[in-house]
N, C-alpha and C. Protein backbone atom coordinates (compact mmCIF):
# COMPACT_ATOMS: atom_id res chain seq x y z
N MET A 1 103.36 32.35 61.26
CA MET A 1 101.91 33.14 61.26
C MET A 1 100.85 33.12 62.00
N ALA A 2 100.27 34.52 63.06
CA ALA A 2 99.18 33.26 63.72
C ALA A 2 97.79 33.81 63.90
N ALA A 3 97.12 32.41 63.73
CA ALA A 3 95.60 32.32 63.11
C ALA A 3 95.24 33.34 64.84
N PRO A 4 93.87 34.18 63.58
CA PRO A 4 93.10 35.31 63.42
C PRO A 4 92.14 34.59 65.85
N SER A 5 92.46 36.03 66.16
CA SER A 5 92.11 35.08 67.94
C SER A 5 90.41 35.15 67.32
N ALA A 6 90.12 34.73 68.42
CA ALA A 6 87.89 34.77 68.36
C ALA A 6 88.36 35.89 69.66
N PRO A 7 87.05 36.57 69.35
CA PRO A 7 86.45 37.19 70.23
C PRO A 7 86.06 37.45 71.47
N LYS A 8 85.79 38.30 72.29
CA LYS A 8 85.36 37.50 74.38
C LYS A 8 84.00 37.32 74.10
N ALA A 9 84.01 36.83 75.01
CA ALA A 9 82.40 36.12 74.50
C ALA A 9 81.59 37.44 75.15
N GLY A 10 80.50 37.57 74.52
CA GLY A 10 79.44 39.45 75.56
C GLY A 10 80.07 40.89 74.34
N THR A 11 80.86 40.20 73.10
CA THR A 11 81.58 41.07 71.87
C THR A 11 80.89 41.17 71.16
N THR A 12 80.61 42.43 69.86
CA THR A 12 80.18 42.37 68.97
C THR A 12 81.37 43.73 67.67
N ASN A 13 81.97 43.18 67.18
CA ASN A 13 82.55 43.71 66.47
C ASN A 13 81.72 44.63 65.43
N ALA A 14 79.97 45.17 65.68
CA ALA A 14 79.21 45.49 64.95
C ALA A 14 78.97 46.82 66.14
N ARG A 15 79.18 48.28 65.13
CA ARG A 15 78.29 50.01 65.42
C ARG A 15 77.37 49.60 66.51
N PRO A 16 76.90 50.22 67.64
CA PRO A 16 75.74 50.26 68.19
C PRO A 16 75.28 51.78 67.26
N LYS A 17 73.41 51.22 67.98
CA LYS A 17 72.97 52.03 67.29
C LYS A 17 73.23 53.63 68.15
N ALA A 18 72.58 54.47 66.53
CA ALA A 18 72.38 55.45 67.18
C ALA A 18 71.85 55.52 67.81
N LYS A 19 71.60 56.33 69.28
CA LYS A 19 69.92 57.20 70.12
C LYS A 19 68.90 57.77 69.17
N ASP A 20 68.27 59.19 69.03
CA ASP A 20 67.83 59.45 69.17
C ASP A 20 67.88 60.62 70.33
N GLY A 21 67.91 61.32 70.12
CA GLY A 21 67.20 62.82 71.25
C GLY A 21 65.77 63.53 71.69
N ALA A 22 65.41 63.10 70.53
CA ALA A 22 63.53 62.96 70.82
C ALA A 22 62.53 61.55 71.46
N GLY A 23 63.82 60.66 71.41
CA GLY A 23 62.92 60.15 72.10
C GLY A 23 61.34 58.86 70.84
N GLY A 24 62.64 59.12 69.92
CA GLY A 24 61.62 58.38 68.54
C GLY A 24 61.16 59.45 68.43
N LYS A 25 60.29 60.45 68.93
CA LYS A 25 59.11 61.12 68.24
C LYS A 25 59.87 62.76 66.69
N LYS A 26 59.83 62.58 66.31
CA LYS A 26 59.69 63.32 64.59
C LYS A 26 59.85 64.95 64.90
N GLU A 27 60.64 65.56 65.05
CA GLU A 27 60.16 67.48 65.00
C GLU A 27 58.90 67.36 63.11
N ALA A 28 57.91 68.38 64.01
CA ALA A 28 57.32 68.60 62.60
C ALA A 28 58.03 69.95 62.03
N LYS A 29 57.76 70.40 60.82
CA LYS A 29 58.41 70.81 60.76
C LYS A 29 57.21 71.66 59.42
N VAL A 30 57.94 73.14 60.31
CA VAL A 30 56.97 74.27 59.39
C VAL A 30 57.88 74.32 57.63
N VAL A 31 56.47 74.15 56.55
CA VAL A 31 56.60 74.93 55.63
C VAL A 31 56.35 75.14 54.95
N TYR A 32 57.01 76.87 54.51
CA TYR A 32 56.74 77.91 53.88
C TYR A 32 56.58 77.54 51.96
N PRO A 33 55.86 78.51 51.79
CA PRO A 33 55.75 78.68 50.24
C PRO A 33 57.27 79.17 49.65
N SER A 34 57.66 78.77 49.49
CA SER A 34 59.54 78.66 48.36
C SER A 34 60.78 78.44 50.01
N GLN A 35 61.27 78.08 48.81
CA GLN A 35 62.55 78.33 50.15
C GLN A 35 63.55 79.38 49.90
N PHE A 36 63.73 80.49 49.65
CA PHE A 36 64.12 81.74 49.39
C PHE A 36 63.38 82.77 48.94
N GLY A 37 62.01 83.30 49.18
CA GLY A 37 61.02 84.26 48.49
C GLY A 37 59.87 84.29 50.72
N SER A 38 60.11 85.84 50.87
CA SER A 38 59.37 86.30 51.03
C SER A 38 58.02 85.81 51.29
N HIS A 39 56.49 85.62 51.17
CA HIS A 39 55.13 85.51 51.12
C HIS A 39 54.09 86.51 51.95
N THR A 40 53.65 86.56 52.10
CA THR A 40 52.31 87.02 52.57
C THR A 40 51.30 86.53 54.00
N SER A 41 51.71 85.31 53.76
CA SER A 41 51.84 83.59 54.94
C SER A 41 52.41 83.44 56.06
N MET A 42 53.28 84.62 56.28
CA MET A 42 55.13 84.46 56.53
C MET A 42 54.77 85.82 57.47
N ALA A 43 53.22 86.52 57.17
CA ALA A 43 53.72 88.09 58.07
C ALA A 43 53.58 87.61 59.04
N ASN A 44 53.54 88.08 60.85
CA ASN A 44 53.59 88.00 61.58
C ASN A 44 52.87 89.39 61.73
N GLU A 45 51.72 89.53 62.34
CA GLU A 45 50.56 90.41 62.09
C GLU A 45 50.73 91.50 63.32
N GLU A 46 51.89 90.95 64.48
CA GLU A 46 51.51 90.98 65.82
C GLU A 46 52.72 91.99 65.60
N LEU A 47 53.90 91.28 65.30
CA LEU A 47 55.39 92.51 65.07
C LEU A 47 54.83 93.84 64.45
N THR A 48 54.30 93.41 63.36
CA THR A 48 54.54 94.58 62.51
C THR A 48 53.98 95.65 62.56
N GLY A 49 51.93 96.21 63.70
CA GLY A 49 51.44 96.72 64.25
C GLY A 49 51.77 97.44 65.49
N LYS A 50 54.16 96.93 65.40
CA LYS A 50 54.60 97.38 66.51
C LYS A 50 55.92 98.07 66.38
N ILE A 51 55.67 98.06 64.42
CA ILE A 51 57.15 99.08 63.95
C ILE A 51 55.61 100.71 64.29
N ALA A 52 57.14 101.36 64.69
CA ALA A 52 56.79 102.96 65.31
C ALA A 52 56.61 103.65 63.17
N ALA A 53 55.65 104.76 63.73
CA ALA A 53 54.74 105.12 62.84
C ALA A 53 56.04 106.36 62.23
N ALA A 54 56.79 106.50 62.36
CA ALA A 54 57.74 107.22 62.04
C ALA A 54 59.10 106.68 61.26
N LYS A 55 58.65 104.59 61.66
CA LYS A 55 59.91 105.06 60.34
C LYS A 55 59.01 104.24 59.49
N GLN A 56 57.72 103.97 59.45
CA GLN A 56 57.05 103.55 59.00
C GLN A 56 56.79 103.97 57.02
N ASP A 57 57.14 103.40 56.56
CA ASP A 57 56.98 104.84 54.71
C ASP A 57 56.20 104.20 54.56
N ALA A 58 55.57 105.13 53.10
CA ALA A 58 53.85 104.70 52.77
C ALA A 58 54.22 104.45 51.75
N THR A 59 55.03 105.09 50.55
CA THR A 59 54.73 104.15 49.63
C THR A 59 55.33 102.80 49.24
N ASP A 60 56.00 101.99 50.38
CA ASP A 60 56.65 100.83 50.48
C ASP A 60 56.46 101.00 51.83
N ALA A 61 56.09 99.95 52.10
CA ALA A 61 55.07 99.77 53.80
C ALA A 61 56.35 98.33 54.53
N TRP A 62 57.39 98.63 55.41
CA TRP A 62 57.64 97.77 56.00
C TRP A 62 57.05 96.55 56.71
N VAL A 63 57.31 95.54 56.59
CA VAL A 63 56.05 94.68 57.27
C VAL A 63 57.17 93.63 58.23
N ILE A 64 56.90 92.81 58.82
CA ILE A 64 57.86 92.22 59.79
C ILE A 64 57.27 90.05 59.49
N LEU A 65 57.52 89.10 58.78
CA LEU A 65 57.47 87.87 58.42
C LEU A 65 58.58 87.34 59.08
N ALA A 66 58.64 86.42 59.53
CA ALA A 66 58.66 84.69 60.04
C ALA A 66 58.80 83.72 59.64
N ASP A 67 60.34 83.47 59.78
CA ASP A 67 60.57 82.18 58.68
C ASP A 67 61.73 81.07 60.16
N GLU A 68 62.20 79.69 59.51
CA GLU A 68 62.59 78.83 60.65
C GLU A 68 63.35 79.74 61.61
N ARG A 69 64.37 80.95 61.46
CA ARG A 69 64.61 80.93 61.62
C ARG A 69 64.40 82.27 62.70
N GLY A 70 63.41 82.49 62.55
CA GLY A 70 62.74 83.81 63.40
C GLY A 70 62.50 85.05 62.25
N PRO A 71 62.65 86.35 63.38
CA PRO A 71 60.92 87.53 62.32
C PRO A 71 61.95 88.44 62.09
N TYR A 72 61.65 89.30 60.89
CA TYR A 72 62.85 90.01 59.64
C TYR A 72 61.97 90.44 59.62
N ALA A 73 62.72 92.02 59.30
CA ALA A 73 61.80 93.22 58.51
C ALA A 73 62.58 93.04 56.57
N THR A 74 61.01 93.34 56.20
CA THR A 74 60.85 93.22 54.66
C THR A 74 60.09 94.38 54.15
N ARG A 75 60.32 95.05 52.47
CA ARG A 75 59.22 96.07 51.99
C ARG A 75 58.00 94.74 51.80
N LYS A 76 56.82 95.60 51.44
CA LYS A 76 55.83 94.99 51.29
C LYS A 76 55.42 95.20 49.39
N SER A 77 56.75 95.62 49.11
CA SER A 77 56.88 94.81 47.41
C SER A 77 57.94 93.81 47.26
N ARG A 78 58.52 93.22 48.60
CA ARG A 78 59.34 92.31 48.60
C ARG A 78 58.19 91.22 48.48
N LEU A 79 57.12 91.22 49.02
CA LEU A 79 56.14 90.06 48.70
C LEU A 79 55.77 89.83 47.38
N ASP A 80 55.84 88.21 47.46
CA ASP A 80 54.43 87.10 46.48
C ASP A 80 55.69 88.20 44.90
N THR A 81 56.95 88.20 44.87
CA THR A 81 57.46 88.66 44.03
C THR A 81 57.41 87.25 42.87
N GLY A 82 58.12 85.73 43.36
CA GLY A 82 58.55 84.99 42.57
C GLY A 82 60.10 85.24 43.09
N LEU A 83 60.64 86.40 43.90
CA LEU A 83 62.09 86.36 43.15
C LEU A 83 62.69 86.22 44.88
N ALA A 84 63.99 85.55 44.97
CA ALA A 84 64.99 85.17 46.54
C ALA A 84 64.42 87.00 47.31
N ASP A 85 63.96 87.17 48.77
CA ASP A 85 63.78 88.52 48.92
C ASP A 85 65.11 88.23 50.03
N PRO A 86 66.87 89.35 50.17
CA PRO A 86 67.69 89.32 50.21
C PRO A 86 67.49 89.80 51.52
N ASN A 87 66.57 90.41 52.22
CA ASN A 87 66.68 90.44 53.71
C ASN A 87 66.00 89.14 54.80
N ARG A 88 65.91 88.41 53.79
CA ARG A 88 65.27 87.18 54.66
C ARG A 88 67.05 86.16 55.40
N PHE A 89 68.40 86.57 54.51
CA PHE A 89 69.58 85.60 54.35
C PHE A 89 70.35 87.03 54.96
N VAL A 90 69.63 87.67 55.33
CA VAL A 90 70.95 88.43 56.29
C VAL A 90 71.09 88.00 57.55
N ASP A 91 72.31 87.69 58.14
CA ASP A 91 73.40 87.39 59.26
C ASP A 91 71.84 87.53 60.69
N GLN A 92 72.02 86.64 61.09
CA GLN A 92 70.99 86.20 62.22
C GLN A 92 70.63 87.88 63.59
N PRO A 93 72.06 88.14 63.57
CA PRO A 93 72.37 89.31 64.89
C PRO A 93 71.63 90.63 64.71
N ALA A 94 72.05 90.54 62.88
CA ALA A 94 71.27 92.22 62.45
C ALA A 94 70.36 91.96 61.66
N ARG A 95 70.15 90.85 60.93
CA ARG A 95 68.34 90.41 61.37
C ARG A 95 67.26 90.83 62.77
N ASP A 96 68.33 91.09 63.96
CA ASP A 96 67.38 91.11 64.98
C ASP A 96 68.12 92.04 65.27
N GLN A 97 68.61 92.92 65.40
CA GLN A 97 68.79 94.27 65.36
C GLN A 97 68.15 94.55 64.88
N PHE A 98 67.60 95.18 63.75
CA PHE A 98 66.14 96.15 63.03
C PHE A 98 65.38 95.63 62.49
N VAL A 99 64.53 94.15 63.64
CA VAL A 99 63.07 94.06 63.64
C VAL A 99 63.11 95.70 65.34
N LYS A 100 64.38 95.16 66.03
CA LYS A 100 64.37 95.92 67.57
C LYS A 100 64.15 97.23 67.09
N ASP A 101 65.02 98.08 65.57
CA ASP A 101 65.46 98.98 65.31
C ASP A 101 63.94 100.21 65.75
N LEU A 102 63.35 98.85 64.33
CA LEU A 102 61.84 99.78 63.68
C LEU A 102 61.02 99.56 64.71
N SER A 103 60.77 98.58 66.17
CA SER A 103 60.13 98.77 66.49
C SER A 103 60.01 99.07 68.19
N ALA A 104 61.56 99.99 67.55
CA ALA A 104 61.69 100.79 68.92
C ALA A 104 60.69 102.49 68.46
N ALA A 105 60.22 102.92 69.98
CA ALA A 105 59.67 104.47 69.28
C ALA A 105 60.27 105.64 69.50
């Protein structure tokens, strides 16, 4: 059996350290009241004001909220219930399209 050879000068067996893409700065993460529900603190008043009057419901109004994935529409009755809001977890293209449809005149 042959003896293991010594590594060449200037080389190591250690893995190089992973580099941060942001230069070592951590991104500030926005914290929401819950992971699944919709809350009044998430409301986007600017986008809610752009909802077309013809598409607004007087008994249970539409509200535009924003989370880590962007804006989405839900009913006012869904806010602060302590339950998960299915409108928050719709696929991204459907969320965007629904907000666009509500805002169109």
